[in-house]
Protein backbone atom coordinates (compact mmCIF):
# COMPACT_ATOMS: atom_id res chain seq x y z
CA MET A 1 -163.57 -117.50 120.58
CA SER A 2 -164.62 -116.75 117.08
CA THR A 3 -162.19 -115.76 114.42
CA GLU A 4 -164.02 -112.51 114.02
CA SER A 5 -163.22 -111.41 117.60
CA GLN A 6 -159.58 -112.43 117.16
CA ASP A 7 -159.23 -110.38 114.01
CA SER A 8 -160.71 -107.30 115.61
CA ALA A 9 -158.44 -107.74 118.65
CA SER A 10 -155.30 -108.01 116.55
CA LYS A 11 -156.11 -105.13 114.22
CA ARG A 12 -154.89 -101.70 115.18
CA SER A 13 -156.64 -98.55 114.36
CA TYR A 14 -154.42 -96.08 112.52
CA ARG A 15 -154.94 -92.41 112.54
CA ARG A 16 -153.65 -90.59 109.52
CA ARG A 17 -151.70 -87.47 110.45
CA SER A 18 -152.74 -84.21 108.89
CA ASP A 19 -150.41 -82.18 106.72
CA ASP A 20 -150.01 -79.66 109.55
CA GLU A 21 -148.92 -82.35 112.00
CA ARG A 22 -146.40 -83.80 109.55
CA LEU A 23 -145.09 -80.30 108.78
CA ALA A 24 -144.77 -79.51 112.50
CA GLU A 25 -142.85 -82.73 113.11
CA LEU A 26 -140.42 -81.99 110.19
CA GLN A 27 -139.91 -78.43 111.41
CA HIS A 28 -139.13 -79.77 114.96
CA LYS A 29 -136.54 -82.20 113.46
CA LEU A 30 -135.07 -79.38 111.41
CA GLU A 31 -134.71 -77.18 114.52
CA GLN A 32 -133.03 -80.02 116.40
CA ALA A 33 -130.54 -80.62 113.48
CA GLN A 34 -129.76 -76.86 113.32
CA GLN A 35 -129.14 -76.77 117.10
CA ARG A 36 -126.80 -79.81 116.83
CA LEU A 37 -124.91 -78.15 113.98
CA LYS A 38 -124.66 -74.87 115.97
CA HIS A 39 -123.28 -76.67 119.05
CA ARG A 40 -120.78 -78.55 116.90
CA GLU A 41 -119.54 -75.26 115.36
CA GLU A 42 -119.32 -73.65 118.81
CA ARG A 43 -117.15 -76.53 120.07
CA LYS A 44 -114.92 -76.21 117.03
CA GLU A 45 -114.57 -72.44 117.61
CA LEU A 46 -113.66 -73.02 121.31
CA ALA A 47 -111.12 -75.64 120.32
CA LYS A 48 -109.31 -73.06 118.18
CA HIS A 49 -108.52 -70.91 121.23
CA VAL A 50 -107.30 -73.63 123.59
CA PRO A 51 -103.52 -73.79 123.52
CA ASN A 52 -101.64 -76.91 122.47
CA PRO A 53 -100.77 -79.29 125.36
CA ALA A 54 -97.06 -78.92 124.53
CA THR A 55 -97.44 -75.13 124.97
CA LEU A 56 -98.84 -75.61 128.45
CA LYS A 57 -95.73 -77.55 129.48
CA LEU A 58 -93.37 -74.72 128.50
CA PRO A 59 -93.45 -72.84 131.83
CA VAL A 60 -92.14 -75.91 133.67
CA ILE A 61 -89.46 -76.49 131.06
CA ILE A 62 -88.38 -72.87 131.00
CA LYS A 63 -88.13 -72.86 134.83
CA LYS A 64 -85.84 -75.89 134.69
CA LEU A 65 -83.72 -74.34 131.94
CA ARG A 66 -83.30 -71.19 133.91
CA GLU A 67 -82.14 -73.28 136.89
CA PHE A 68 -79.63 -74.93 134.59
CA ALA A 69 -78.40 -71.63 133.24
CA ALA A 70 -77.83 -70.42 136.76
CA TYR A 71 -75.94 -73.65 137.62
CA ALA A 72 -73.83 -73.28 134.48
CA HIS A 73 -73.04 -69.65 135.28
CA ILE A 74 -72.01 -70.49 138.91
CA ASN A 75 -69.67 -73.22 137.61
CA GLY A 76 -68.01 -70.99 135.03
CA ARG A 77 -69.68 -72.35 131.87
CA LEU A 78 -70.69 -69.15 130.28
CA ASP A 79 -71.11 -70.78 126.87
CA TYR A 80 -73.84 -73.07 128.34
CA TYR A 81 -75.32 -70.09 130.17
CA ASN A 82 -75.52 -67.85 127.11
CA SER A 83 -76.94 -70.56 124.89
CA THR A 84 -79.52 -71.61 127.44
CA ILE A 85 -80.63 -67.97 128.14
CA ALA A 86 -81.01 -67.34 124.36
CA PHE A 87 -83.09 -70.56 124.03
CA VAL A 88 -85.23 -69.60 127.00
CA ALA A 89 -85.90 -66.17 125.50
CA MET A 90 -87.04 -67.73 122.25
CA MET A 91 -89.27 -70.25 124.04
CA ASP A 92 -90.71 -67.47 126.21
CA ARG A 93 -91.65 -65.46 123.13
CA LEU A 94 -93.22 -68.49 121.43
CA TYR A 95 -95.17 -69.36 124.66
CA HIS A 96 -96.62 -65.84 124.85
CA GLU A 97 -97.56 -65.90 121.13
CA ASP A 98 -99.32 -69.27 121.48
CA MET A 99 -101.24 -68.19 124.57
CA HIS A 100 -102.92 -65.33 122.71
CA ASP A 101 -105.48 -65.95 119.97
CA PRO A 102 -105.61 -63.82 116.78
CA ASN A 103 -108.30 -61.61 118.29
CA GLY A 104 -105.93 -60.47 121.00
CA GLU A 105 -107.70 -62.35 123.74
CA GLU A 106 -105.78 -64.62 126.13
CA ALA A 107 -106.31 -68.31 125.77
CA THR A 108 -107.37 -70.29 128.79
CA ALA A 109 -104.59 -71.94 130.76
CA GLU A 110 -104.25 -73.24 134.29
CA GLU A 111 -101.17 -71.24 135.03
CA GLY A 112 -99.23 -68.70 133.12
CA PHE A 113 -95.81 -67.30 133.91
CA ASP A 114 -93.98 -64.06 133.50
CA ALA A 115 -90.39 -63.75 132.32
């Protein structure tokens, strides 16, 4: 083989993009970046309305506290009963406040409970 044929085989032909093609590519990249930013902001907004994991455990804890209050009442410990019922009322109020977002819509939870 001659060196001339090797040079022509190894050379690539480049096609210069027009200004319109470069502009279209940049606009496409800009649209993609704007979509990523929009999705990121939507995820942040959704995260604001999801209750704290500790809040989601409150129904179970309140149920156990009510069982304890009933047990204390049956066994004549009215001081334990009154203290526990007051604590349960406070936790119940906090639970219901946390489960509602500032717009008045309910937050998503697997299970709620009523007092």
